[in-house]
Amino acid sequence: MRWWNRCSHNRMGAIDAKPGAMETVTRSRITPLDWVSIILVAIGAINWGLVGLFEFDLVAAIFGQLSALSRIVYVLVAIAGVYLLVIASTRLSGRSTLGGRPDLPIGTG
């Protein structure tokens, strides 16, 4: 039985779960690796925005133009972006076993 068959709406329009419904619903948790990836991708997005708008490379300004450290940051941002694409595609397609429920609609698992 699907989770939405175990729920009803009350007079205010809110969903009231029937007994036993909440045991079937689990929330996906954002792991520490997810957080690190989100932060790295945000840094990359800000950096590309600065490059596009002002021709200013913040990573190169901090770590040096194509220094070993700046190249490491660029590679980590790229890996984080690919990781988030894979995680997003598996979670949205329902193939995830990373804490979500594949039988739940998007946004509930």
PDB file of N, CA and C in Angstrom:
ATOM      1  N   MET A   1       0.841  -1.174   0.000  1.00  0.00           N
ATOM      2  CA  MET A   1       0.000   0.000   0.000  1.00  0.00           C
ATOM      3  C   MET A   1       0.890   1.242   0.000  1.00  0.00           C
ATOM      4  N   ARG A   2       0.589   2.173  -0.834  1.00  0.00           N
ATOM      5  CA  ARG A   2       1.344   3.413  -0.915  1.00  0.00           C
ATOM      6  C   ARG A   2       1.027   4.291   0.293  1.00  0.00           C
ATOM      7  N   TRP A   3       1.978   5.165   0.639  1.00  0.00           N
ATOM      8  CA  TRP A   3       1.821   5.997   1.826  1.00  0.00           C
ATOM      9  C   TRP A   3       0.632   6.933   1.710  1.00  0.00           C
ATOM     10  N   TRP A   4       0.307   7.417   0.493  1.00  0.00           N
ATOM     11  CA  TRP A   4      -0.775   8.382   0.365  1.00  0.00           C
ATOM     12  C   TRP A   4      -2.127   7.710   0.547  1.00  0.00           C
ATOM     13  N   ASN A   5      -2.184   6.381   0.426  1.00  0.00           N
ATOM     14  CA  ASN A   5      -3.426   5.663   0.710  1.00  0.00           C
ATOM     15  C   ASN A   5      -3.663   5.554   2.212  1.00  0.00           C
ATOM     16  N   ARG A   6      -2.638   5.824   3.015  1.00  0.00           N
ATOM     17  CA  ARG A   6      -2.743   5.755   4.460  1.00  0.00           C
ATOM     18  C   ARG A   6      -2.983   7.115   5.084  1.00  0.00           C
ATOM     19  N   CYS A   7      -3.218   8.138   4.290  1.00  0.00           N
ATOM     20  CA  CYS A   7      -3.402   9.496   4.794  1.00  0.00           C
ATOM     21  C   CYS A   7      -4.767  10.015   4.411  1.00  0.00           C
ATOM     22  N   SER A   8      -5.271  10.949   5.203  1.00  0.00           N
ATOM     23  CA  SER A   8      -6.520  11.616   4.887  1.00  0.00           C
ATOM     24  C   SER A   8      -6.339  13.103   5.155  1.00  0.00           C
ATOM     25  N   HIS A   9      -7.240  13.913   4.648  1.00  0.00           N
ATOM     26  CA  HIS A   9      -7.163  15.355   4.872  1.00  0.00           C
ATOM     27  C   HIS A   9      -8.151  15.728   5.975  1.00  0.00           C
ATOM     28  N   ASN A  10      -7.704  16.599   6.885  1.00  0.00           N
ATOM     29  CA  ASN A  10      -8.619  17.076   7.908  1.00  0.00           C
ATOM     30  C   ASN A  10      -9.374  18.297   7.378  1.00  0.00           C
ATOM     31  N   ARG A  11     -10.196  18.904   8.221  1.00  0.00           N
ATOM     32  CA  ARG A  11     -11.022  20.025   7.767  1.00  0.00           C
ATOM     33  C   ARG A  11     -10.200  21.226   7.332  1.00  0.00           C
ATOM     34  N   MET A  12      -8.994  21.392   7.851  1.00  0.00           N
ATOM     35  CA  MET A  12      -8.156  22.529   7.511  1.00  0.00           C
ATOM     36  C   MET A  12      -7.320  22.267   6.263  1.00  0.00           C
ATOM     37  N   GLY A  13      -7.439  21.079   5.674  1.00  0.00           N
ATOM     38  CA  GLY A  13      -6.689  20.767   4.477  1.00  0.00           C
ATOM     39  C   GLY A  13      -5.360  20.106   4.737  1.00  0.00           C
ATOM     40  N   ALA A  14      -4.988  19.972   6.026  1.00  0.00           N
ATOM     41  CA  ALA A  14      -3.723  19.327   6.350  1.00  0.00           C
ATOM     42  C   ALA A  14      -3.878  17.814   6.233  1.00  0.00           C
ATOM     43  N   ILE A  15      -2.787  17.158   6.041  1.00  0.00           N
ATOM     44  CA  ILE A  15      -2.820  15.712   5.901  1.00  0.00           C
ATOM     45  C   ILE A  15      -2.693  15.075   7.275  1.00  0.00           C
ATOM     46  N   ASP A  16      -3.643  14.203   7.602  1.00  0.00           N
ATOM     47  CA  ASP A  16      -3.578  13.417   8.831  1.00  0.00           C
ATOM     48  C   ASP A  16      -3.153  12.014   8.449  1.00  0.00           C
ATOM     49  N   ALA A  17      -2.064  11.564   9.030  1.00  0.00           N
ATOM     50  CA  ALA A  17      -1.593  10.205   8.752  1.00  0.00           C
ATOM     51  C   ALA A  17      -2.425   9.208   9.544  1.00  0.00           C
ATOM     52  N   LYS A  18      -2.804   8.133   8.886  1.00  0.00           N
ATOM     53  CA  LYS A  18      -3.513   7.058   9.574  1.00  0.00           C
ATOM     54  C   LYS A  18      -2.500   6.282  10.405  1.00  0.00           C
ATOM     55  N   PRO A  19      -2.955   5.532  11.386  1.00  0.00           N
ATOM     56  CA  PRO A  19      -2.015   4.766  12.218  1.00  0.00           C
ATOM     57  C   PRO A  19      -1.127   3.867  11.360  1.00  0.00           C
ATOM     58  N   GLY A  20       0.160   3.907  11.641  1.00  0.00           N
ATOM     59  CA  GLY A  20       1.108   3.075  10.909  1.00  0.00           C
ATOM     60  C   GLY A  20       1.684   3.736   9.679  1.00  0.00           C
ATOM     61  N   ALA A  21       1.135   4.880   9.269  1.00  0.00           N
ATOM     62  CA  ALA A  21       1.613   5.521   8.042  1.00  0.00           C
ATOM     63  C   ALA A  21       2.999   6.122   8.234  1.00  0.00           C
ATOM     64  N   MET A  22       3.266   6.665   9.397  1.00  0.00           N
ATOM     65  CA  MET A  22       4.530   7.343   9.601  1.00  0.00           C
ATOM     66  C   MET A  22       5.706   6.379   9.641  1.00  0.00           C
ATOM     67  N   GLU A  23       5.454   5.111   9.963  1.00  0.00           N
ATOM     68  CA  GLU A  23       6.549   4.163   9.951  1.00  0.00           C
ATOM     69  C   GLU A  23       7.073   3.926   8.541  1.00  0.00           C
ATOM     70  N   THR A  24       6.232   4.159   7.534  1.00  0.00           N
ATOM     71  CA  THR A  24       6.652   3.884   6.165  1.00  0.00           C
ATOM     72  C   THR A  24       7.337   5.070   5.517  1.00  0.00           C
ATOM     73  N   VAL A  25       7.242   6.251   6.118  1.00  0.00           N
ATOM     74  CA  VAL A  25       7.817   7.453   5.522  1.00  0.00           C
ATOM     75  C   VAL A  25       9.141   7.764   6.206  1.00  0.00           C
ATOM     76  N   THR A  26      10.208   7.804   5.422  1.00  0.00           N
ATOM     77  CA  THR A  26      11.506   8.199   5.950  1.00  0.00           C
ATOM     78  C   THR A  26      11.992   9.400   5.161  1.00  0.00           C
ATOM     79  N   ARG A  27      12.743  10.233   5.803  1.00  0.00           N
ATOM     80  CA  ARG A  27      13.292  11.424   5.158  1.00  0.00           C
ATOM     81  C   ARG A  27      14.717  11.157   4.734  1.00  0.00           C
ATOM     82  N   SER A  28      15.079  11.663   3.561  1.00  0.00           N
ATOM     83  CA  SER A  28      16.474  11.586   3.149  1.00  0.00           C
ATOM     84  C   SER A  28      17.278  12.543   4.018  1.00  0.00           C
ATOM     85  N   ARG A  29      18.426  12.132   4.398  1.00  0.00           N
ATOM     86  CA  ARG A  29      19.314  12.967   5.192  1.00  0.00           C
ATOM     87  C   ARG A  29      20.429  13.469   4.295  1.00  0.00           C
ATOM     88  N   ILE A  30      20.837  14.697   4.530  1.00  0.00           N
ATOM     89  CA  ILE A  30      21.966  15.246   3.801  1.00  0.00           C
ATOM     90  C   ILE A  30      23.217  14.848   4.574  1.00  0.00           C
ATOM     91  N   THR A  31      24.073  14.111   3.920  1.00  0.00           N
ATOM     92  CA  THR A  31      25.285  13.604   4.555  1.00  0.00           C
ATOM     93  C   THR A  31      26.354  14.701   4.594  1.00  0.00           C
ATOM     94  N   PRO A  32      27.380  14.513   5.411  1.00  0.00           N
ATOM     95  CA  PRO A  32      28.484  15.481   5.407  1.00  0.00           C
ATOM     96  C   PRO A  32      29.134  15.622   4.021  1.00  0.00           C
ATOM     97  N   LEU A  33      29.225  14.524   3.276  1.00  0.00           N
ATOM     98  CA  LEU A  33      29.768  14.606   1.923  1.00  0.00           C
ATOM     99  C   LEU A  33      28.875  15.459   1.022  1.00  0.00           C
ATOM    100  N   ASP A  34      27.560  15.347   1.203  1.00  0.00           N
ATOM    101  CA  ASP A  34      26.635  16.198   0.447  1.00  0.00           C
ATOM    102  C   ASP A  34      26.885  17.669   0.761  1.00  0.00           C
ATOM    103  N   TRP A  35      27.051  17.996   2.054  1.00  0.00           N
ATOM    104  CA  TRP A  35      27.288  19.383   2.454  1.00  0.00           C
ATOM    105  C   TRP A  35      28.582  19.931   1.870  1.00  0.00           C
ATOM    106  N   VAL A  36      29.648  19.129   1.945  1.00  0.00           N
ATOM    107  CA  VAL A  36      30.930  19.563   1.380  1.00  0.00           C
ATOM    108  C   VAL A  36      30.785  19.805  -0.114  1.00  0.00           C
ATOM    109  N   SER A  37      30.074  18.910  -0.794  1.00  0.00           N
ATOM    110  CA  SER A  37      29.866  19.065  -2.238  1.00  0.00           C
ATOM    111  C   SER A  37      29.055  20.312  -2.549  1.00  0.00           C
ATOM    112  N   ILE A  38      28.021  20.559  -1.775  1.00  0.00           N
ATOM    113  CA  ILE A  38      27.195  21.757  -1.990  1.00  0.00           C
ATOM    114  C   ILE A  38      28.038  23.017  -1.813  1.00  0.00           C
ATOM    115  N   ILE A  39      28.857  23.040  -0.773  1.00  0.00           N
ATOM    116  CA  ILE A  39      29.711  24.213  -0.518  1.00  0.00           C
ATOM    117  C   ILE A  39      30.713  24.409  -1.655  1.00  0.00           C
ATOM    118  N   LEU A  40      31.348  23.310  -2.094  1.00  0.00           N
ATOM    119  CA  LEU A  40      32.318  23.430  -3.190  1.00  0.00           C
ATOM    120  C   LEU A  40      31.664  23.892  -4.481  1.00  0.00           C
ATOM    121  N   VAL A  41      30.486  23.377  -4.780  1.00  0.00           N
ATOM    122  CA  VAL A  41      29.793  23.804  -6.000  1.00  0.00           C
ATOM    123  C   VAL A  41      29.365  25.262  -5.885  1.00  0.00           C
ATOM    124  N   ALA A  42      28.968  25.703  -4.692  1.00  0.00           N
ATOM    125  CA  ALA A  42      28.629  27.116  -4.498  1.00  0.00           C
ATOM    126  C   ALA A  42      29.851  27.999  -4.708  1.00  0.00           C
ATOM    127  N   ILE A  43      30.997  27.568  -4.190  1.00  0.00           N
ATOM    128  CA  ILE A  43      32.239  28.317  -4.407  1.00  0.00           C
ATOM    129  C   ILE A  43      32.541  28.405  -5.905  1.00  0.00           C
ATOM    130  N   GLY A  44      32.381  27.282  -6.599  1.00  0.00           N
ATOM    131  CA  GLY A  44      32.615  27.275  -8.046  1.00  0.00           C
ATOM    132  C   GLY A  44      31.649  28.192  -8.788  1.00  0.00           C
ATOM    133  N   ALA A  45      30.384  28.181  -8.362  1.00  0.00           N
ATOM    134  CA  ALA A  45      29.393  29.036  -9.018  1.00  0.00           C
ATOM    135  C   ALA A  45      29.709  30.514  -8.793  1.00  0.00           C
ATOM    136  N   ILE A  46      30.074  30.861  -7.568  1.00  0.00           N
ATOM    137  CA  ILE A  46      30.443  32.251  -7.270  1.00  0.00           C
ATOM    138  C   ILE A  46      31.680  32.648  -8.071  1.00  0.00           C
ATOM    139  N   ASN A  47      32.652  31.749  -8.127  1.00  0.00           N
ATOM    140  CA  ASN A  47      33.878  32.050  -8.866  1.00  0.00           C
ATOM    141  C   ASN A  47      33.573  32.274 -10.354  1.00  0.00           C
ATOM    142  N   TRP A  48      32.753  31.407 -10.949  1.00  0.00           N
ATOM    143  CA  TRP A  48      32.409  31.582 -12.359  1.00  0.00           C
ATOM    144  C   TRP A  48      31.595  32.846 -12.584  1.00  0.00           C
ATOM    145  N   GLY A  49      30.758  33.195 -11.620  1.00  0.00           N
ATOM    146  CA  GLY A  49      30.022  34.458 -11.734  1.00  0.00           C
ATOM    147  C   GLY A  49      30.954  35.651 -11.720  1.00  0.00           C
ATOM    148  N   LEU A  50      31.952  35.618 -10.840  1.00  0.00           N
ATOM    149  CA  LEU A  50      32.939  36.703 -10.794  1.00  0.00           C
ATOM    150  C   LEU A  50      33.771  36.763 -12.075  1.00  0.00           C
ATOM    151  N   VAL A  51      34.117  35.585 -12.614  1.00  0.00           N
ATOM    152  CA  VAL A  51      34.873  35.559 -13.868  1.00  0.00           C
ATOM    153  C   VAL A  51      34.036  36.143 -14.995  1.00  0.00           C
ATOM    154  N   GLY A  52      32.779  35.750 -15.057  1.00  0.00           N
ATOM    155  CA  GLY A  52      31.908  36.231 -16.132  1.00  0.00           C
ATOM    156  C   GLY A  52      31.567  37.708 -16.039  1.00  0.00           C
ATOM    157  N   LEU A  53      31.346  38.179 -14.834  1.00  0.00           N
ATOM    158  CA  LEU A  53      30.940  39.578 -14.659  1.00  0.00           C
ATOM    159  C   LEU A  53      32.115  40.551 -14.627  1.00  0.00           C
ATOM    160  N   PHE A  54      33.185  40.160 -13.952  1.00  0.00           N
ATOM    161  CA  PHE A  54      34.260  41.108 -13.692  1.00  0.00           C
ATOM    162  C   PHE A  54      35.645  40.652 -14.167  1.00  0.00           C
ATOM    163  N   GLU A  55      35.688  39.490 -14.821  1.00  0.00           N
ATOM    164  CA  GLU A  55      36.964  38.905 -15.247  1.00  0.00           C
ATOM    165  C   GLU A  55      37.922  38.788 -14.062  1.00  0.00           C
ATOM    166  N   PHE A  56      37.373  38.384 -12.920  1.00  0.00           N
ATOM    167  CA  PHE A  56      38.144  38.225 -11.700  1.00  0.00           C
ATOM    168  C   PHE A  56      38.011  36.801 -11.210  1.00  0.00           C
ATOM    169  N   ASP A  57      39.120  36.067 -11.161  1.00  0.00           N
ATOM    170  CA  ASP A  57      39.138  34.682 -10.702  1.00  0.00           C
ATOM    171  C   ASP A  57      39.534  34.679  -9.231  1.00  0.00           C
ATOM    172  N   LEU A  58      38.551  34.502  -8.355  1.00  0.00           N
ATOM    173  CA  LEU A  58      38.788  34.554  -6.916  1.00  0.00           C
ATOM    174  C   LEU A  58      39.722  33.433  -6.449  1.00  0.00           C
ATOM    175  N   VAL A  59      39.543  32.232  -6.983  1.00  0.00           N
ATOM    176  CA  VAL A  59      40.400  31.106  -6.583  1.00  0.00           C
ATOM    177  C   VAL A  59      41.851  31.391  -6.959  1.00  0.00           C
ATOM    178  N   ALA A  60      42.066  31.920  -8.167  1.00  0.00           N
ATOM    179  CA  ALA A  60      43.426  32.249  -8.594  1.00  0.00           C
ATOM    180  C   ALA A  60      43.995  33.396  -7.761  1.00  0.00           C
ATOM    181  N   ALA A  61      43.141  34.335  -7.367  1.00  0.00           N
ATOM    182  CA  ALA A  61      43.610  35.447  -6.547  1.00  0.00           C
ATOM    183  C   ALA A  61      44.035  34.972  -5.159  1.00  0.00           C
ATOM    184  N   ILE A  62      43.347  33.976  -4.628  1.00  0.00           N
ATOM    185  CA  ILE A  62      43.685  33.474  -3.297  1.00  0.00           C
ATOM    186  C   ILE A  62      44.882  32.525  -3.340  1.00  0.00           C
ATOM    187  N   PHE A  63      44.876  31.588  -4.288  1.00  0.00           N
ATOM    188  CA  PHE A  63      45.878  30.529  -4.298  1.00  0.00           C
ATOM    189  C   PHE A  63      46.957  30.697  -5.354  1.00  0.00           C
ATOM    190  N   GLY A  64      46.839  31.670  -6.237  1.00  0.00           N
ATOM    191  CA  GLY A  64      47.824  31.877  -7.294  1.00  0.00           C
ATOM    192  C   GLY A  64      47.325  31.339  -8.631  1.00  0.00           C
ATOM    193  N   GLN A  65      47.696  32.021  -9.683  1.00  0.00           N
ATOM    194  CA  GLN A  65      47.269  31.659 -11.031  1.00  0.00           C
ATOM    195  C   GLN A  65      47.807  30.278 -11.408  1.00  0.00           C
ATOM    196  N   LEU A  66      46.919  29.314 -11.547  1.00  0.00           N
ATOM    197  CA  LEU A  66      47.236  27.930 -11.902  1.00  0.00           C
ATOM    198  C   LEU A  66      48.308  27.304 -11.010  1.00  0.00           C
ATOM    199  N   SER A  67      48.309  27.677  -9.740  1.00  0.00           N
ATOM    200  CA  SER A  67      49.193  27.019  -8.782  1.00  0.00           C
ATOM    201  C   SER A  67      48.624  25.635  -8.467  1.00  0.00           C
ATOM    202  N   ALA A  68      49.400  24.862  -7.774  1.00  0.00           N
ATOM    203  CA  ALA A  68      48.936  23.522  -7.425  1.00  0.00           C
ATOM    204  C   ALA A  68      47.673  23.580  -6.571  1.00  0.00           C
ATOM    205  N   LEU A  69      47.625  24.533  -5.632  1.00  0.00           N
ATOM    206  CA  LEU A  69      46.450  24.661  -4.774  1.00  0.00           C
ATOM    207  C   LEU A  69      45.204  25.084  -5.556  1.00  0.00           C
ATOM    208  N   SER A  70      45.352  26.030  -6.451  1.00  0.00           N
ATOM    209  CA  SER A  70      44.179  26.457  -7.224  1.00  0.00           C
ATOM    210  C   SER A  70      43.700  25.331  -8.133  1.00  0.00           C
ATOM    211  N   ARG A  71      44.607  24.551  -8.690  1.00  0.00           N
ATOM    212  CA  ARG A  71      44.202  23.423  -9.529  1.00  0.00           C
ATOM    213  C   ARG A  71      43.489  22.361  -8.705  1.00  0.00           C
ATOM    214  N   ILE A  72      43.948  22.159  -7.468  1.00  0.00           N
ATOM    215  CA  ILE A  72      43.263  21.206  -6.577  1.00  0.00           C
ATOM    216  C   ILE A  72      41.840  21.684  -6.294  1.00  0.00           C
ATOM    217  N   VAL A  73      41.690  22.975  -6.032  1.00  0.00           N
ATOM    218  CA  VAL A  73      40.348  23.528  -5.784  1.00  0.00           C
ATOM    219  C   VAL A  73      39.466  23.339  -7.012  1.00  0.00           C
ATOM    220  N   TYR A  74      39.979  23.624  -8.205  1.00  0.00           N
ATOM    221  CA  TYR A  74      39.201  23.445  -9.432  1.00  0.00           C
ATOM    222  C   TYR A  74      38.774  21.990  -9.609  1.00  0.00           C
ATOM    223  N   VAL A  75      39.682  21.048  -9.343  1.00  0.00           N
ATOM    224  CA  VAL A  75      39.359  19.628  -9.488  1.00  0.00           C
ATOM    225  C   VAL A  75      38.332  19.194  -8.446  1.00  0.00           C
ATOM    226  N   LEU A  76      38.470  19.663  -7.197  1.00  0.00           N
ATOM    227  CA  LEU A  76      37.499  19.324  -6.161  1.00  0.00           C
ATOM    228  C   LEU A  76      36.109  19.869  -6.482  1.00  0.00           C
ATOM    229  N   VAL A  77      36.048  21.078  -7.031  1.00  0.00           N
ATOM    230  CA  VAL A  77      34.765  21.649  -7.438  1.00  0.00           C
ATOM    231  C   VAL A  77      34.144  20.805  -8.546  1.00  0.00           C
ATOM    232  N   ALA A  78      34.951  20.364  -9.498  1.00  0.00           N
ATOM    233  CA  ALA A  78      34.441  19.529 -10.595  1.00  0.00           C
ATOM    234  C   ALA A  78      33.938  18.188 -10.077  1.00  0.00           C
ATOM    235  N   ILE A  79      34.698  17.562  -9.189  1.00  0.00           N
ATOM    236  CA  ILE A  79      34.275  16.279  -8.616  1.00  0.00           C
ATOM    237  C   ILE A  79      32.981  16.449  -7.823  1.00  0.00           C
ATOM    238  N   ALA A  80      32.891  17.532  -7.052  1.00  0.00           N
ATOM    239  CA  ALA A  80      31.678  17.799  -6.276  1.00  0.00           C
ATOM    240  C   ALA A  80      30.476  18.003  -7.194  1.00  0.00           C
ATOM    241  N   GLY A  81      30.684  18.697  -8.304  1.00  0.00           N
ATOM    242  CA  GLY A  81      29.588  18.900  -9.248  1.00  0.00           C
ATOM    243  C   GLY A  81      29.100  17.598  -9.850  1.00  0.00           C
ATOM    244  N   VAL A  82      30.023  16.734 -10.245  1.00  0.00           N
ATOM    245  CA  VAL A  82      29.642  15.431 -10.798  1.00  0.00           C
ATOM    246  C   VAL A  82      28.944  14.593  -9.735  1.00  0.00           C
ATOM    247  N   TYR A  83      29.461  14.617  -8.510  1.00  0.00           N
ATOM    248  CA  TYR A  83      28.841  13.879  -7.403  1.00  0.00           C
ATOM    249  C   TYR A  83      27.393  14.336  -7.199  1.00  0.00           C
ATOM    250  N   LEU A  84      27.164  15.648  -7.162  1.00  0.00           N
ATOM    251  CA  LEU A  84      25.808  16.152  -6.956  1.00  0.00           C
ATOM    252  C   LEU A  84      24.890  15.805  -8.117  1.00  0.00           C
ATOM    253  N   LEU A  85      25.414  15.806  -9.346  1.00  0.00           N
ATOM    254  CA  LEU A  85      24.600  15.389 -10.490  1.00  0.00           C
ATOM    255  C   LEU A  85      24.173  13.933 -10.353  1.00  0.00           C
ATOM    256  N   VAL A  86      25.086  13.078  -9.958  1.00  0.00           N
ATOM    257  CA  VAL A  86      24.766  11.661  -9.793  1.00  0.00           C
ATOM    258  C   VAL A  86      23.760  11.467  -8.661  1.00  0.00           C
ATOM    259  N   ILE A  87      23.996  12.117  -7.531  1.00  0.00           N
ATOM    260  CA  ILE A  87      23.081  11.992  -6.394  1.00  0.00           C
ATOM    261  C   ILE A  87      21.698  12.519  -6.755  1.00  0.00           C
ATOM    262  N   ALA A  88      21.641  13.672  -7.400  1.00  0.00           N
ATOM    263  CA  ALA A  88      20.345  14.247  -7.775  1.00  0.00           C
ATOM    264  C   ALA A  88      19.608  13.346  -8.759  1.00  0.00           C
ATOM    265  N   SER A  89      20.315  12.813  -9.736  1.00  0.00           N
ATOM    266  CA  SER A  89      19.638  11.976 -10.729  1.00  0.00           C
ATOM    267  C   SER A  89      19.155  10.665 -10.116  1.00  0.00           C
ATOM    268  N   THR A  90      19.922  10.085  -9.201  1.00  0.00           N
ATOM    269  CA  THR A  90      19.465   8.837  -8.590  1.00  0.00           C
ATOM    270  C   THR A  90      18.329   9.074  -7.608  1.00  0.00           C
ATOM    271  N   ARG A  91      18.378  10.158  -6.861  1.00  0.00           N
ATOM    272  CA  ARG A  91      17.294  10.433  -5.913  1.00  0.00           C
ATOM    273  C   ARG A  91      16.012  10.827  -6.623  1.00  0.00           C
ATOM    274  N   LEU A  92      16.114  11.597  -7.686  1.00  0.00           N
ATOM    275  CA  LEU A  92      14.912  12.017  -8.403  1.00  0.00           C
ATOM    276  C   LEU A  92      14.301  10.896  -9.228  1.00  0.00           C
ATOM    277  N   SER A  93      15.127   9.957  -9.678  1.00  0.00           N
ATOM    278  CA  SER A  93      14.590   8.871 -10.488  1.00  0.00           C
ATOM    279  C   SER A  93      14.063   7.732  -9.631  1.00  0.00           C
ATOM    280  N   GLY A  94      14.315   7.780  -8.320  1.00  0.00           N
ATOM    281  CA  GLY A  94      13.801   6.743  -7.445  1.00  0.00           C
ATOM    282  C   GLY A  94      14.699   5.542  -7.322  1.00  0.00           C
ATOM    283  N   ARG A  95      15.914   5.601  -7.828  1.00  0.00           N
ATOM    284  CA  ARG A  95      16.820   4.465  -7.740  1.00  0.00           C
ATOM    285  C   ARG A  95      17.691   4.529  -6.504  1.00  0.00           C
ATOM    286  N   SER A  96      17.498   5.515  -5.676  1.00  0.00           N
ATOM    287  CA  SER A  96      18.390   5.721  -4.545  1.00  0.00           C
ATOM    288  C   SER A  96      18.097   4.749  -3.414  1.00  0.00           C
ATOM    289  N   THR A  97      19.139   4.263  -2.809  1.00  0.00           N
ATOM    290  CA  THR A  97      19.021   3.513  -1.563  1.00  0.00           C
ATOM    291  C   THR A  97      19.825   4.243  -0.497  1.00  0.00           C
ATOM    292  N   LEU A  98      20.009   5.542  -0.674  1.00  0.00           N
ATOM    293  CA  LEU A  98      20.836   6.329   0.231  1.00  0.00           C
ATOM    294  C   LEU A  98      20.020   6.979   1.342  1.00  0.00           C
ATOM    295  N   GLY A  99      18.983   6.334   1.810  1.00  0.00           N
ATOM    296  CA  GLY A  99      18.210   6.884   2.912  1.00  0.00           C
ATOM    297  C   GLY A  99      16.820   7.311   2.507  1.00  0.00           C
ATOM    298  N   GLY A 100      16.568   7.476   1.215  1.00  0.00           N
ATOM    299  CA  GLY A 100      15.240   7.864   0.759  1.00  0.00           C
ATOM    300  C   GLY A 100      14.413   6.640   0.437  1.00  0.00           C
ATOM    301  N   ARG A 101      13.145   6.842   0.172  1.00  0.00           N
ATOM    302  CA  ARG A 101      12.253   5.763  -0.208  1.00  0.00           C
ATOM    303  C   ARG A 101      11.938   5.908  -1.682  1.00  0.00           C
ATOM    304  N   PRO A 102      12.297   4.927  -2.530  1.00  0.00           N
ATOM    305  CA  PRO A 102      12.035   5.048  -3.952  1.00  0.00           C
ATOM    306  C   PRO A 102      10.564   5.083  -4.320  1.00  0.00           C
ATOM    307  N   ASP A 103       9.675   4.604  -3.419  1.00  0.00           N
ATOM    308  CA  ASP A 103       8.248   4.584  -3.746  1.00  0.00           C
ATOM    309  C   ASP A 103       7.525   5.864  -3.349  1.00  0.00           C
ATOM    310  N   LEU A 104       8.256   6.852  -2.789  1.00  0.00           N
ATOM    311  CA  LEU A 104       7.633   8.102  -2.400  1.00  0.00           C
ATOM    312  C   LEU A 104       7.777   9.143  -3.482  1.00  0.00           C
ATOM    313  N   PRO A 105       6.821  10.058  -3.605  1.00  0.00           N
ATOM    314  CA  PRO A 105       6.954  11.145  -4.592  1.00  0.00           C
ATOM    315  C   PRO A 105       8.123  12.051  -4.248  1.00  0.00           C
ATOM    316  N   ILE A 106       8.569  12.813  -5.224  1.00  0.00           N
ATOM    317  CA  ILE A 106       9.681  13.737  -5.045  1.00  0.00           C
ATOM    318  C   ILE A 106       9.343  14.711  -3.926  1.00  0.00           C
ATOM    319  N   GLY A 107      10.327  14.953  -3.071  1.00  0.00           N
ATOM    320  CA  GLY A 107      10.156  15.916  -1.990  1.00  0.00           C
ATOM    321  C   GLY A 107       9.677  15.306  -0.690  1.00  0.00           C
ATOM    322  N   THR A 108       9.339  14.013  -0.688  1.00  0.00           N
ATOM    323  CA  THR A 108       8.870  13.399   0.552  1.00  0.00           C
ATOM    324  C   THR A 108       9.806  12.323   1.043  1.00  0.00           C
ATOM    325  N   GLY A 109      10.814  11.971   0.294  1.00  0.00           N
ATOM    326  CA  GLY A 109      11.666  10.846   0.701  1.00  0.00           C
ATOM    327  C   GLY A 109      13.038  11.248   1.071  1.00  0.00           C
TER     328      GLY A 109
END
